[in-house]
């Protein structure tokens, strides 16, 4: 009867709010609210990153776009640090960190999940290693295991190209560090959005739910879902309710559910309208 609901995630949409144009034809109260919100965000960013060159810092912060809605995993803290480096104007460190974080994510996925795939021919190539610097080999392994979705796999390949061009000596990097860093970070953020999203169209989520994501029954034992998605979820019935506490969501779910299995479609139909 119950399904896993995503409750732990990370995101930052301040850049999108700052980049939103306030239109003349909006209602006055709505315009005032947006102006206040933008001023508050700007003041917060100046406090966070410092007053020196604050206009450039805010411009760079907006250029990064939203930090995507992501499951809590092994990339969140370092991605935020990478974004912060870019905002501070440390473009080359931001570029390098985006590329190395991409490699770290590939390594973590292979090392974390490989024991599930011992019968596969790919396992023989990776079971003895503790790290992988060959991006294509790691990507192909994760694709063959069904871990990486097609679009994130291509985005990892794109990030690998940025890495090879930027990390190995290339005089052009001296003049293009900002552009390369922005491309690397946005590519990495797209990977997070497409593979690690807490609100998305990934095949392991039940379609048709409103404002929340539930894991499809057939994917509960999928290795990536089991190790990355489920730790961010609570097992709930359709009549559960949430309360926001000091440490996150508190689940209340004492409804006397019948002892029976239901399909994902039936579970969605039982959710309150």
Protein backbone atom coordinates (compact mmCIF):
# COMPACT_ATOMS: atom_id res chain seq x y z
CA UNK A 1 0.00 0.00 0.00
CA UNK A 2 2.82 2.45 0.81
CA UNK A 3 5.34 4.22 -1.41
CA UNK A 4 8.56 6.13 -0.83
CA UNK A 5 8.14 9.90 -0.99
CA UNK A 6 11.09 12.23 -1.56
CA UNK A 7 11.43 14.57 1.44
CA UNK A 8 15.14 15.53 1.60
CA UNK A 9 16.50 17.77 -1.14
CA UNK A 10 18.65 20.81 -1.80
CA UNK A 11 18.05 23.80 -4.08
CA UNK A 12 18.62 27.53 -4.45
CA UNK A 13 16.41 29.57 -6.79
CA UNK A 14 17.61 33.04 -5.78
CA UNK A 15 19.39 33.53 -9.11
CA UNK A 16 16.16 32.89 -11.00
CA UNK A 17 14.27 35.35 -8.82
CA UNK A 18 16.91 38.03 -9.34
CA UNK A 19 16.86 37.42 -13.08
CA UNK A 20 13.07 37.71 -13.34
CA UNK A 21 11.94 40.90 -15.04
CA UNK A 22 9.30 42.86 -13.12
CA UNK A 23 6.72 43.87 -15.72
CA UNK A 24 4.91 47.21 -15.81
CA UNK A 25 1.54 45.55 -16.26
CA UNK A 26 1.80 43.49 -13.03
CA UNK A 27 -0.52 44.41 -10.18
CA UNK A 28 1.05 47.02 -7.92
CA UNK A 29 1.05 44.75 -4.84
CA UNK A 30 2.72 42.00 -6.84
CA UNK A 31 5.34 44.43 -8.17
CA UNK A 32 6.07 45.74 -4.67
CA UNK A 33 6.43 42.20 -3.35
CA UNK A 34 8.91 41.31 -6.10
CA UNK A 35 10.92 44.50 -5.53
CA UNK A 36 11.13 43.72 -1.81
CA UNK A 37 12.14 40.12 -2.46
CA UNK A 38 14.83 41.18 -4.91
CA UNK A 39 16.23 43.76 -2.51
CA UNK A 40 16.29 41.17 0.24
CA UNK A 41 18.14 38.66 -1.96
CA UNK A 42 20.66 41.30 -3.07
CA UNK A 43 21.30 42.34 0.53
CA UNK A 44 21.75 38.70 1.51
CA UNK A 45 24.25 38.09 -1.28
CA UNK A 46 26.27 41.18 -0.37
CA UNK A 47 26.36 39.97 3.23
CA UNK A 48 27.34 36.46 2.11
CA UNK A 49 29.99 37.33 -0.49
CA UNK A 50 31.15 40.79 0.62
CA UNK A 51 30.58 44.35 -0.54
CA UNK A 52 33.71 44.60 -2.69
CA UNK A 53 32.77 44.20 -6.38
CA UNK A 54 29.28 43.25 -5.23
CA UNK A 55 27.61 44.20 -8.53
CA UNK A 56 29.93 41.87 -10.45
CA UNK A 57 29.37 39.13 -7.86
CA UNK A 58 25.60 39.45 -8.16
CA UNK A 59 25.87 39.37 -11.96
CA UNK A 60 27.92 36.17 -11.78
CA UNK A 61 25.50 34.66 -9.28
CA UNK A 62 22.60 35.30 -11.67
CA UNK A 63 24.60 33.88 -14.59
CA UNK A 64 24.89 30.52 -12.79
CA UNK A 65 21.12 30.11 -12.69
CA UNK A 66 19.37 28.04 -10.08
CA UNK A 67 21.18 25.44 -8.06
CA UNK A 68 18.93 22.58 -9.21
CA UNK A 69 16.53 20.69 -6.98
CA UNK A 70 18.65 17.73 -6.04
CA UNK A 71 18.57 14.71 -3.81
CA UNK A 72 21.03 14.96 -0.95
CA UNK A 73 24.01 12.98 -2.15
CA UNK A 74 27.79 13.17 -2.53
CA UNK A 75 27.84 16.28 -4.76
CA UNK A 76 25.73 18.92 -2.99
CA UNK A 77 28.31 20.50 -0.69
CA UNK A 78 31.08 20.60 -3.30
CA UNK A 79 28.78 21.96 -6.01
CA UNK A 80 27.82 24.83 -3.71
CA UNK A 81 31.51 25.51 -3.04
CA UNK A 82 32.17 25.45 -6.77
CA UNK A 83 29.40 27.97 -7.40
CA UNK A 84 30.72 30.19 -4.61
CA UNK A 85 34.19 30.21 -6.18
CA UNK A 86 32.69 31.48 -9.42
CA UNK A 87 30.79 34.24 -7.63
CA UNK A 88 33.96 35.35 -5.83
CA UNK A 89 35.60 35.72 -9.24
CA UNK A 90 37.91 32.72 -8.79
CA UNK A 91 37.07 31.45 -12.26
CA UNK A 92 39.91 29.00 -12.81
CA UNK A 93 39.45 27.31 -9.41
CA UNK A 94 35.72 27.14 -10.21
CA UNK A 95 36.51 25.57 -13.58
CA UNK A 96 38.86 22.99 -12.10
CA UNK A 97 36.49 22.14 -9.25
CA UNK A 98 33.54 21.61 -11.62
CA UNK A 99 35.59 19.20 -13.71
CA UNK A 100 37.04 17.30 -10.77
CA UNK A 101 33.63 17.10 -9.11
CA UNK A 102 32.27 15.50 -12.27
CA UNK A 103 35.04 12.90 -12.10
CA UNK A 104 34.37 12.39 -8.41
CA UNK A 105 30.67 11.78 -9.09
CA UNK A 106 31.50 9.12 -11.69
CA UNK A 107 33.91 7.45 -9.28
CA UNK A 108 31.41 7.46 -6.45
CA UNK A 109 28.70 5.91 -8.60
CA UNK A 110 30.97 3.11 -9.85
CA UNK A 111 32.47 2.34 -6.44
CA UNK A 112 29.18 2.66 -4.57
CA UNK A 113 27.14 0.48 -6.91
CA UNK A 114 29.55 -2.04 -8.46
CA UNK A 115 28.83 -4.85 -5.99
CA UNK A 116 25.29 -5.01 -7.36
CA UNK A 117 26.66 -5.87 -10.79
CA UNK A 118 29.10 -8.68 -10.03
CA UNK A 119 27.66 -10.99 -12.75
CA UNK A 120 28.32 -8.42 -15.51
CA UNK A 121 31.42 -8.37 -17.71
CA UNK A 122 31.99 -4.71 -16.76
CA UNK A 123 32.47 -5.68 -13.10
CA UNK A 124 35.65 -7.57 -13.96
CA UNK A 125 37.14 -4.31 -15.26
CA UNK A 126 36.36 -2.21 -12.19
CA UNK A 127 36.27 -4.43 -9.10
CA UNK A 128 39.99 -4.08 -8.29
CA UNK A 129 40.26 -0.31 -8.75
CA UNK A 130 39.74 2.38 -6.14
CA UNK A 131 39.52 5.29 -8.60
CA UNK A 132 38.96 5.91 -12.29
CA UNK A 133 40.47 8.70 -14.39
CA UNK A 134 39.20 7.32 -17.70
CA UNK A 135 35.87 9.12 -17.96
CA UNK A 136 34.64 7.21 -21.00
CA UNK A 137 35.27 3.83 -19.39
CA UNK A 138 33.37 4.90 -16.26
CA UNK A 139 30.52 6.39 -18.30
CA UNK A 140 30.20 3.29 -20.51
CA UNK A 141 30.19 1.05 -17.43
CA UNK A 142 27.44 3.05 -15.73
CA UNK A 143 25.40 3.19 -18.94
CA UNK A 144 25.70 -0.57 -19.47
CA UNK A 145 24.52 -1.13 -15.89
CA UNK A 146 21.52 1.11 -16.50
CA UNK A 147 22.67 3.56 -13.81
CA UNK A 148 23.22 6.65 -15.94
CA UNK A 149 20.33 7.89 -18.02
CA UNK A 150 21.16 8.76 -21.67
CA UNK A 151 21.13 12.55 -21.28
CA UNK A 152 23.34 12.68 -18.16
CA UNK A 153 25.76 10.31 -19.90
CA UNK A 154 26.13 12.73 -22.81
CA UNK A 155 26.48 15.65 -20.41
CA UNK A 156 29.30 13.82 -18.61
CA UNK A 157 31.01 13.38 -21.98
CA UNK A 158 30.59 17.10 -22.64
CA UNK A 159 32.12 17.91 -19.25
CA UNK A 160 34.99 15.53 -20.01
CA UNK A 161 35.73 17.54 -23.16
CA UNK A 162 35.77 20.78 -21.14
CA UNK A 163 38.10 19.14 -18.64
CA UNK A 164 40.57 17.91 -21.26
CA UNK A 165 40.66 21.31 -22.93
CA UNK A 166 41.00 23.32 -19.72
CA UNK A 167 42.96 21.22 -17.23
CA UNK A 168 45.74 20.26 -19.63
CA UNK A 169 47.80 23.28 -20.58
CA UNK A 170 46.02 25.50 -23.05
CA UNK A 171 47.08 29.16 -23.35
CA UNK A 172 43.56 30.15 -24.38
CA UNK A 173 42.31 29.32 -20.89
CA UNK A 174 44.03 32.46 -19.60
CA UNK A 175 41.50 34.59 -21.49
CA UNK A 176 38.45 32.31 -21.32
CA UNK A 177 38.45 31.07 -17.73
CA UNK A 178 35.11 32.68 -16.88
CA UNK A 179 33.32 31.36 -19.96
CA UNK A 180 34.80 27.88 -19.53
CA UNK A 181 33.97 27.83 -15.83
CA UNK A 182 30.39 28.91 -16.50
CA UNK A 183 30.00 26.22 -19.15
CA UNK A 184 31.47 23.56 -16.86
CA UNK A 185 29.29 24.50 -13.89
CA UNK A 186 26.08 24.71 -15.91
CA UNK A 187 26.88 21.35 -17.51
CA UNK A 188 27.43 19.86 -14.06
CA UNK A 189 24.17 21.39 -12.83
CA UNK A 190 22.37 19.87 -15.83
CA UNK A 191 23.80 16.47 -14.87
CA UNK A 192 22.44 16.91 -11.36
CA UNK A 193 19.06 18.01 -12.70
CA UNK A 194 18.76 15.08 -15.12
CA UNK A 195 20.17 12.30 -12.91
CA UNK A 196 19.82 13.35 -9.26
CA UNK A 197 16.67 15.46 -9.37
CA UNK A 198 14.24 15.37 -6.48
CA UNK A 199 11.46 16.66 -8.77
CA UNK A 200 11.76 15.36 -12.32
CA UNK A 201 10.76 13.00 -15.07
CA UNK A 202 13.22 10.27 -14.15
CA UNK A 203 11.80 6.78 -14.81
CA UNK A 204 11.99 5.78 -11.14
CA UNK A 205 9.34 8.33 -10.13
CA UNK A 206 5.60 7.73 -10.39
CA UNK A 207 4.03 9.92 -13.04
CA UNK A 208 0.98 12.05 -12.33
CA UNK A 209 1.62 13.18 -8.76
CA UNK A 210 1.17 16.84 -7.84
CA UNK A 211 3.88 18.81 -6.04
CA UNK A 212 5.76 15.78 -4.73
CA UNK A 213 7.60 12.74 -6.04
CA UNK A 214 7.03 9.10 -5.13
CA UNK A 215 9.22 6.16 -6.16
CA UNK A 216 7.62 3.63 -8.48
CA UNK A 217 7.26 0.20 -6.90
CA UNK A 218 9.24 -1.58 -9.61
CA UNK A 219 12.25 0.70 -9.05
CA UNK A 220 12.54 0.32 -5.26
CA UNK A 221 15.22 -2.35 -5.71
CA UNK A 222 17.07 -0.63 -8.56
CA UNK A 223 20.61 -0.11 -7.21
CA UNK A 224 20.82 3.64 -7.97
CA UNK A 225 17.38 4.20 -6.47
CA UNK A 226 18.08 2.03 -3.44
CA UNK A 227 21.41 3.71 -2.63
CA UNK A 228 20.84 7.33 -3.75
CA UNK A 229 17.10 8.04 -3.90
CA UNK A 230 15.56 6.05 -1.02
CA UNK A 231 17.82 7.52 1.71
CA UNK A 232 16.11 10.84 0.93
CA UNK A 233 12.61 9.38 1.23
CA UNK A 234 10.04 8.35 3.80
CA UNK A 235 7.78 5.33 3.33
CA UNK A 236 4.23 6.68 3.48
CA UNK A 237 0.66 5.74 2.75
CA UNK A 238 -1.68 7.87 0.64
CA UNK A 239 -3.35 9.45 3.70
CA UNK A 240 -0.16 10.69 5.36
CA UNK A 241 0.40 14.34 6.22
CA UNK A 242 3.54 16.40 6.72
CA UNK A 243 4.53 18.90 9.35
CA UNK A 244 7.61 21.08 9.03
CA UNK A 245 9.84 20.71 12.08
CA UNK A 246 13.18 22.19 13.12
CA UNK A 247 15.11 19.39 11.40
CA UNK A 248 12.94 19.05 8.30
CA UNK A 249 9.70 17.30 7.52
CA UNK A 250 7.91 15.27 10.16
CA UNK A 251 5.63 12.54 8.81
CA UNK A 252 2.30 11.71 10.44
CA UNK A 253 0.86 8.51 9.04
CA UNK A 254 -1.30 6.55 11.47
CA UNK A 255 -4.11 5.74 9.04
CA UNK A 256 -5.27 2.09 9.27
CA UNK A 257 -4.37 0.97 5.74
CA UNK A 258 -5.60 -2.41 4.49
CA UNK A 259 -3.00 -5.13 4.12
CA UNK A 260 -2.87 -5.25 0.33
CA UNK A 261 -0.70 -4.19 -2.56
CA UNK A 262 -1.86 -1.50 -4.96
CA UNK A 263 -0.49 -0.41 -8.30
CA UNK A 264 1.28 2.92 -8.67
CA UNK A 265 -1.76 4.26 -10.52
CA UNK A 266 -4.06 3.14 -7.71
CA UNK A 267 -1.77 4.76 -5.14
CA UNK A 268 -1.90 8.08 -7.02
CA UNK A 269 -5.69 7.86 -7.21
CA UNK A 270 -5.85 7.44 -3.43
CA UNK A 271 -3.84 10.60 -2.74
CA UNK A 272 -5.90 13.56 -1.51
CA UNK A 273 -6.91 15.89 -4.31
